[in-house]
Amino acid sequence: MMQPIFDLIAGGIVGLVSGLTAGLLGVSPGGGLVVLSVLLLGVEQHVAQGISLIAQVPPTSLGGIRRYRDKGNRSPLRWIVLLGVGFVAGGLAGAYAAVGVSDKALQWTYVAYLAALDVMLVLRGNRSKSGSGDDTENKQVGTAALLIIGLAGGLASGFLGIGGGLAITVGLSAVLGVPQHQAQMVSLVMSLIPTTLPSAVVYWSQGFSASWLAIVGVIAGLWLGTDFGARLANRLDKTTLQRIVVIFVAAMALFMARKAIG
């Protein structure tokens, strides 16, 4: 009797914290979901990634998107379409590739992926300070660049079960120079599209999932946390947000490295 209640409460905490970081940092909640599922639900890596992908199918970022729109941030439809095409293709490829990989290999890949993103963020911050950044709300972004970023996000989503929004936010802001708040808005809009569904089906069919009560708790927590996090993000300047993203990504990488070692 206690296990279902524990699953629901623990799932709610996992979703709430992950949603808070998603709304605040404009990333899909997958990174936090994977780490916290391992930590609080006590599941193994493949199951944590399955929980993450399944929980991101419902449109839990609606509240957060509304808060970003209230501050004038927009997400061009062309960007969403091209990112989405690349994301779905990459997600399927990544999910099938992950099925035959050991937990340990996934954990170390996760660490390397986060470390690479952190380096890109730091370099982007240095360019912005030197005045070489091109932060314009109406920045023109090429078709190939958007497809590649979508593909990278999809591969990360399918292979690591983290949603891919972090790759999209970092790719848009650190690589293409899109303003931080707008990049975060686009990432949240991308999470409205059930792009993780194909990958989630692959994981589910392989038995990599948890109880439905835990997943319900995660989804409810995501809904509340994302809205609150977006409210907080609108009160912070872009430099502060970039620094928080760097710290957040580094913390996740260190936690997973510890799990991989230990």
Protein backbone atom coordinates (compact mmCIF):
# COMPACT_ATOMS: atom_id res chain seq x y z
CA MET A 1 0.00 0.00 0.00
CA MET A 2 2.87 2.35 0.82
CA GLN A 3 4.72 1.80 -2.47
CA PRO A 4 2.05 3.41 -4.71
CA ILE A 5 1.90 6.46 -2.42
CA PHE A 6 5.68 6.70 -2.40
CA ASP A 7 5.78 6.45 -6.21
CA LEU A 8 3.23 9.28 -6.55
CA ILE A 9 4.93 11.61 -4.06
CA ALA A 10 8.46 10.89 -5.28
CA GLY A 11 7.31 11.31 -8.88
CA GLY A 12 5.72 14.64 -7.97
CA ILE A 13 8.97 15.89 -6.42
CA VAL A 14 10.96 14.73 -9.45
CA GLY A 15 8.56 16.53 -11.79
CA LEU A 16 8.34 19.71 -9.68
CA VAL A 17 12.10 20.22 -9.46
CA SER A 18 12.62 19.29 -13.12
CA GLY A 19 9.81 21.62 -14.20
CA LEU A 20 11.25 24.45 -12.14
CA THR A 21 14.60 24.17 -13.90
CA ALA A 22 12.85 23.79 -17.27
CA GLY A 23 10.85 26.98 -16.83
CA LEU A 24 13.73 28.93 -15.33
CA LEU A 25 16.37 27.86 -17.85
CA GLY A 26 14.17 27.23 -20.91
CA VAL A 27 15.37 23.66 -21.30
CA SER A 28 13.34 20.51 -21.63
CA PRO A 29 13.05 18.88 -18.20
CA GLY A 30 14.66 15.64 -19.34
CA GLY A 31 18.08 16.26 -17.79
CA GLY A 32 16.61 16.81 -14.36
CA LEU A 33 14.12 13.97 -14.82
CA VAL A 34 16.84 11.43 -15.56
CA VAL A 35 19.07 12.48 -12.67
CA LEU A 36 16.25 12.80 -10.12
CA SER A 37 14.59 9.56 -11.20
CA VAL A 38 17.84 7.75 -10.50
CA LEU A 39 18.26 9.58 -7.20
CA LEU A 40 14.71 9.64 -5.77
CA LEU A 41 12.94 6.76 -7.49
CA GLY A 42 15.97 4.50 -7.33
CA VAL A 43 15.60 3.21 -10.88
CA GLU A 44 18.39 2.16 -13.24
CA GLN A 45 19.57 4.33 -16.13
CA HIS A 46 17.44 2.89 -18.94
CA VAL A 47 14.26 3.11 -16.82
CA ALA A 48 15.07 6.71 -15.79
CA GLN A 49 15.43 7.63 -19.46
CA GLY A 50 12.13 5.89 -20.26
CA ILE A 51 10.34 7.84 -17.50
CA SER A 52 11.81 11.07 -18.83
CA LEU A 53 10.71 10.48 -22.42
CA ILE A 54 7.18 9.36 -21.47
CA ALA A 55 6.63 12.28 -19.07
CA GLN A 56 7.59 14.77 -21.78
CA VAL A 57 4.88 13.67 -24.21
CA PRO A 58 2.04 15.72 -22.54
CA PRO A 59 2.18 19.54 -23.06
CA THR A 60 3.45 20.36 -19.57
CA SER A 61 5.29 23.52 -20.70
CA LEU A 62 2.15 25.52 -21.61
CA GLY A 63 2.25 27.61 -18.44
CA GLY A 64 5.91 28.45 -18.90
CA ILE A 65 5.41 29.45 -22.53
CA ARG A 66 2.63 31.82 -21.55
CA ARG A 67 4.96 33.58 -19.09
CA TYR A 68 7.67 34.03 -21.74
CA ARG A 69 5.13 35.36 -24.26
CA ASP A 70 3.89 37.87 -21.73
CA LYS A 71 7.39 39.38 -21.80
CA GLY A 72 7.37 39.69 -25.60
CA ASN A 73 9.44 36.62 -26.53
CA ARG A 74 8.42 34.87 -29.74
CA SER A 75 9.17 31.55 -31.45
CA PRO A 76 9.11 31.76 -35.29
CA LEU A 77 7.03 28.96 -36.84
CA ARG A 78 9.76 28.24 -39.40
CA TRP A 79 12.23 27.57 -36.58
CA ILE A 80 9.84 25.18 -34.84
CA VAL A 81 9.11 23.20 -38.02
CA LEU A 82 12.76 22.76 -38.98
CA LEU A 83 13.88 21.96 -35.43
CA GLY A 84 11.01 19.48 -35.15
CA VAL A 85 11.93 17.64 -38.38
CA GLY A 86 15.53 17.22 -37.27
CA PHE A 87 14.46 16.29 -33.73
CA VAL A 88 12.16 13.42 -34.70
CA ALA A 89 14.75 11.88 -37.02
CA GLY A 90 17.49 12.15 -34.42
CA GLY A 91 15.24 10.90 -31.63
CA LEU A 92 14.40 7.63 -33.35
CA ALA A 93 18.02 6.97 -34.26
CA GLY A 94 19.18 7.72 -30.72
CA ALA A 95 16.53 5.54 -29.05
CA TYR A 96 17.34 2.48 -31.13
CA ALA A 97 21.05 3.02 -30.54
CA ALA A 98 20.54 3.26 -26.75
CA VAL A 99 18.72 -0.07 -26.42
CA GLY A 100 21.88 -2.12 -26.87
CA VAL A 101 24.17 0.10 -24.78
CA SER A 102 25.08 -0.60 -21.15
CA ASP A 103 24.01 1.67 -18.28
CA LYS A 104 27.64 2.57 -17.61
CA ALA A 105 28.25 3.64 -21.20
CA LEU A 106 25.07 5.74 -21.19
CA GLN A 107 26.11 7.44 -17.97
CA TRP A 108 29.55 8.38 -19.30
CA THR A 109 28.06 9.56 -22.60
CA TYR A 110 25.67 11.70 -20.56
CA VAL A 111 28.60 13.23 -18.67
CA ALA A 112 30.56 13.96 -21.88
CA TYR A 113 27.49 15.49 -23.54
CA LEU A 114 26.82 17.85 -20.62
CA ALA A 115 30.49 18.82 -20.36
CA ALA A 116 30.54 19.74 -24.06
CA LEU A 117 27.43 21.89 -23.67
CA ASP A 118 28.91 23.64 -20.65
CA VAL A 119 32.07 24.52 -22.60
CA MET A 120 29.95 25.98 -25.40
CA LEU A 121 28.00 28.08 -22.89
CA VAL A 122 31.15 29.44 -21.26
CA LEU A 123 32.67 30.33 -24.64
CA ARG A 124 29.43 32.00 -25.66
CA GLY A 125 29.46 34.05 -22.46
CA ASN A 126 33.01 35.20 -23.14
CA ARG A 127 32.11 36.26 -26.69
CA SER A 128 29.14 38.24 -25.41
CA LYS A 129 31.33 40.08 -22.88
CA SER A 130 33.81 41.00 -25.60
CA GLY A 131 30.99 42.53 -27.65
CA SER A 132 31.14 40.01 -30.48
CA GLY A 133 27.74 38.49 -29.68
CA ASP A 134 24.84 39.30 -32.01
CA ASP A 135 21.85 39.35 -29.69
CA THR A 136 19.02 40.59 -31.87
CA GLU A 137 15.44 39.50 -31.45
CA ASN A 138 14.95 39.26 -35.22
CA LYS A 139 18.10 37.30 -35.94
CA GLN A 140 18.05 35.35 -39.20
CA VAL A 141 18.89 31.67 -38.78
CA GLY A 142 19.67 29.37 -41.71
CA THR A 143 17.68 26.24 -42.57
CA ALA A 144 20.65 23.89 -42.33
CA ALA A 145 21.64 25.27 -38.92
CA LEU A 146 18.15 24.71 -37.51
CA LEU A 147 17.97 21.16 -38.91
CA ILE A 148 21.36 20.31 -37.43
CA ILE A 149 20.45 21.68 -34.00
CA GLY A 150 17.14 19.78 -34.11
CA LEU A 151 18.97 16.60 -35.12
CA ALA A 152 21.48 17.04 -32.26
CA GLY A 153 18.65 17.61 -29.79
CA GLY A 154 16.82 14.54 -31.08
CA LEU A 155 19.89 12.31 -30.84
CA ALA A 156 20.45 13.49 -27.27
CA SER A 157 16.80 12.89 -26.48
CA GLY A 158 16.63 9.37 -27.87
CA PHE A 159 20.05 8.18 -26.72
CA LEU A 160 20.13 9.82 -23.29
CA GLY A 161 16.41 10.24 -22.56
CA ILE A 162 16.74 13.91 -21.69
CA GLY A 163 14.29 15.61 -24.02
CA GLY A 164 16.86 17.49 -26.10
CA GLY A 165 15.71 20.97 -25.07
CA LEU A 166 19.04 21.72 -23.46
CA ALA A 167 20.80 21.09 -26.77
CA ILE A 168 18.31 23.37 -28.53
CA THR A 169 18.71 26.19 -26.00
CA VAL A 170 22.50 25.95 -26.06
CA GLY A 171 22.61 25.53 -29.83
CA LEU A 172 20.45 28.59 -30.46
CA SER A 173 22.06 30.82 -27.84
CA ALA A 174 25.69 29.68 -27.72
CA VAL A 175 26.19 28.67 -31.36
CA LEU A 176 23.79 30.87 -33.34
CA GLY A 177 23.72 33.89 -31.01
CA VAL A 178 19.95 33.95 -30.47
CA PRO A 179 19.01 36.03 -27.36
CA GLN A 180 18.88 33.88 -24.22
CA HIS A 181 15.23 34.49 -23.35
CA GLN A 182 14.12 33.85 -26.94
CA ALA A 183 16.19 30.64 -27.14
CA GLN A 184 14.53 29.43 -23.94
CA MET A 185 11.09 30.32 -25.30
CA VAL A 186 11.74 28.33 -28.50
CA SER A 187 12.96 25.34 -26.49
CA LEU A 188 9.78 25.32 -24.38
CA VAL A 189 7.59 25.59 -27.49
CA MET A 190 9.47 22.63 -28.96
CA SER A 191 8.59 20.63 -25.85
CA LEU A 192 4.88 21.15 -26.65
CA ILE A 193 5.28 18.96 -29.73
CA PRO A 194 5.29 15.28 -28.70
CA THR A 195 8.66 14.77 -30.39
CA THR A 196 9.73 12.35 -27.65
CA LEU A 197 6.81 10.01 -28.44
CA PRO A 198 8.66 7.79 -30.97
CA SER A 199 11.60 7.40 -28.57
CA ALA A 200 9.24 6.80 -25.63
CA VAL A 201 7.50 3.99 -27.55
CA VAL A 202 10.86 2.32 -28.18
CA TYR A 203 11.78 2.47 -24.47
CA TRP A 204 8.29 1.34 -23.38
CA SER A 205 8.34 -1.63 -25.75
CA GLN A 206 11.64 -2.70 -24.21
CA GLY A 207 10.19 -2.55 -20.68
CA PHE A 208 12.15 0.54 -19.64
CA SER A 209 9.53 2.40 -17.60
CA ALA A 210 8.18 2.77 -14.05
CA SER A 211 4.73 2.60 -12.44
CA TRP A 212 2.00 4.79 -13.89
CA LEU A 213 1.52 6.50 -10.51
CA ALA A 214 5.13 7.66 -10.56
CA ILE A 215 4.71 8.97 -14.10
CA VAL A 216 1.44 10.76 -13.17
CA GLY A 217 3.28 12.41 -10.26
CA VAL A 218 6.10 13.47 -12.56
CA ILE A 219 3.71 15.03 -15.09
CA ALA A 220 1.74 16.93 -12.42
CA GLY A 221 4.97 18.24 -10.92
CA LEU A 222 6.26 19.31 -14.32
CA TRP A 223 3.10 21.31 -15.00
CA LEU A 224 3.39 23.33 -11.78
CA GLY A 225 7.17 23.65 -11.76
CA THR A 226 7.51 24.91 -15.34
CA ASP A 227 5.04 27.74 -14.77
CA PHE A 228 6.77 28.89 -11.59
CA GLY A 229 10.24 28.62 -13.13
CA ALA A 230 9.23 30.76 -16.14
CA ARG A 231 7.86 33.46 -13.82
CA LEU A 232 11.25 33.56 -12.09
CA ALA A 233 13.18 33.61 -15.40
CA ASN A 234 11.35 36.74 -16.54
CA ARG A 235 12.76 38.58 -13.52
CA LEU A 236 16.37 37.72 -14.33
CA ASP A 237 18.70 39.23 -16.93
CA LYS A 238 20.28 37.11 -19.68
CA THR A 239 23.74 37.04 -18.07
CA THR A 240 22.36 35.68 -14.81
CA LEU A 241 20.37 33.06 -16.71
CA GLN A 242 23.44 31.97 -18.69
CA ARG A 243 25.45 31.56 -15.49
CA ILE A 244 22.69 29.52 -13.87
CA VAL A 245 22.53 27.25 -16.93
CA VAL A 246 26.30 26.66 -16.73
CA ILE A 247 26.09 25.77 -13.02
CA PHE A 248 23.03 23.55 -13.57
CA VAL A 249 24.64 21.61 -16.41
CA ALA A 250 27.90 21.18 -14.48
CA ALA A 251 26.02 19.90 -11.41
CA MET A 252 24.16 17.28 -13.48
CA ALA A 253 27.40 16.17 -15.13
CA LEU A 254 29.17 15.79 -11.77
CA PHE A 255 26.28 13.78 -10.31
CA MET A 256 26.18 11.38 -13.24
CA ALA A 257 29.97 11.03 -13.21
CA ARG A 258 29.74 10.00 -9.56
CA LYS A 259 27.06 7.43 -10.42
CA ALA A 260 29.18 6.09 -13.28
CA ILE A 261 32.23 5.73 -11.04
CA GLY A 262 30.40 4.24 -8.22
